[in-house]
Amino acid sequence: MKHRLIAWILVLIICLGAIPWAAAAGTSNPFTDVSAASPYYPAILWAYENGITGGTSPTTFSPNNTCTRAQIVTFLYRALA
């Protein structure tokens, strides 16, 4: 359920902005808890590169945590700004 929520939020951000979600070439993953094999890796890296999220710390994203309403609103605001 938590993974679905994160995935749907990132999909919504991408669709609303009609922005391609391919990460820039040569970008390194700053998050130690997100592997390149995970299905949401490209979306997380894209959101990080575009300033939509900074993770829960400089080195962690915490993909298994539940997003609060405040976080969701912040993601949407940053994506549309």
Protein backbone atom coordinates (compact mmCIF):
# COMPACT_ATOMS: atom_id res chain seq x y z
CA MET A 1 0.00 0.00 0.00
CA LYS A 2 2.77 2.42 0.92
CA HIS A 3 4.68 1.70 -2.29
CA ARG A 4 1.53 2.29 -4.30
CA LEU A 5 0.94 5.65 -2.65
CA ILE A 6 4.47 6.83 -3.39
CA ALA A 7 4.26 5.54 -6.94
CA TRP A 8 0.87 7.21 -7.57
CA ILE A 9 2.06 10.54 -6.15
CA LEU A 10 5.11 10.55 -8.39
CA VAL A 11 3.03 9.50 -11.41
CA LEU A 12 0.58 12.31 -10.69
CA ILE A 13 3.40 14.84 -10.48
CA ILE A 14 4.83 13.62 -13.76
CA CYS A 15 1.48 13.64 -15.55
CA LEU A 16 0.47 17.07 -14.30
CA GLY A 17 3.69 18.64 -15.46
CA ALA A 18 3.96 16.57 -18.64
CA ILE A 19 7.67 16.40 -17.92
CA PRO A 20 9.76 13.50 -19.18
CA TRP A 21 10.96 11.50 -16.22
CA ALA A 22 14.24 10.26 -17.53
CA ALA A 23 17.05 11.11 -15.16
CA ALA A 24 19.88 13.22 -16.49
CA ALA A 25 22.83 11.23 -17.74
CA GLY A 26 25.58 10.79 -15.20
CA THR A 27 23.42 11.58 -12.19
CA SER A 28 24.34 9.55 -9.14
CA ASN A 29 21.85 8.22 -6.61
CA PRO A 30 22.26 10.08 -3.29
CA PHE A 31 19.94 7.70 -1.43
CA THR A 32 21.42 4.56 0.14
CA ASP A 33 17.98 3.00 0.69
CA VAL A 34 16.84 3.15 -2.97
CA SER A 35 18.43 0.58 -5.25
CA ALA A 36 18.63 0.97 -9.01
CA ALA A 37 16.63 -2.25 -9.33
CA SER A 38 13.56 -0.85 -7.56
CA PRO A 39 10.57 -0.04 -9.79
CA TYR A 40 10.28 3.51 -8.45
CA TYR A 41 13.98 4.36 -8.81
CA PRO A 42 13.66 6.51 -11.98
CA ALA A 43 10.76 8.51 -10.52
CA ILE A 44 12.56 9.15 -7.23
CA LEU A 45 15.74 10.22 -8.98
CA TRP A 46 13.75 12.49 -11.33
CA ALA A 47 11.92 14.10 -8.40
CA TYR A 48 15.22 14.63 -6.57
CA GLU A 49 16.91 16.19 -9.61
CA ASN A 50 14.00 18.57 -10.15
CA GLY A 51 13.87 19.77 -6.54
CA ILE A 52 10.53 18.15 -5.76
CA THR A 53 11.94 16.07 -2.92
CA GLY A 54 15.16 15.97 -0.98
CA GLY A 55 14.51 12.74 0.87
CA THR A 56 14.20 12.32 4.61
CA SER A 57 17.91 13.04 5.06
CA PRO A 58 20.79 13.80 2.70
CA THR A 59 21.42 10.08 2.24
CA THR A 60 18.01 8.43 2.74
CA PHE A 61 14.68 8.64 0.94
CA SER A 62 12.69 6.23 3.18
CA PRO A 63 10.56 4.72 0.40
CA ASN A 64 8.69 2.52 2.87
CA ASN A 65 7.40 5.43 4.94
CA THR A 66 3.90 6.78 4.46
CA CYS A 67 3.59 10.26 2.96
CA THR A 68 1.69 12.82 4.99
CA ARG A 69 -0.82 15.17 3.42
CA ALA A 70 1.62 18.01 3.98
CA GLN A 71 4.34 16.18 2.06
CA ILE A 72 1.97 15.43 -0.82
CA VAL A 73 0.90 19.08 -1.04
CA THR A 74 4.56 20.14 -0.96
CA PHE A 75 5.43 17.72 -3.77
CA LEU A 76 2.58 19.02 -5.90
CA TYR A 77 3.42 22.66 -5.20
CA ARG A 78 7.07 22.16 -6.13
CA ALA A 79 6.15 20.19 -9.26
CA LEU A 80 3.81 22.90 -10.51
CA ALA A 81 6.03 25.84 -9.57
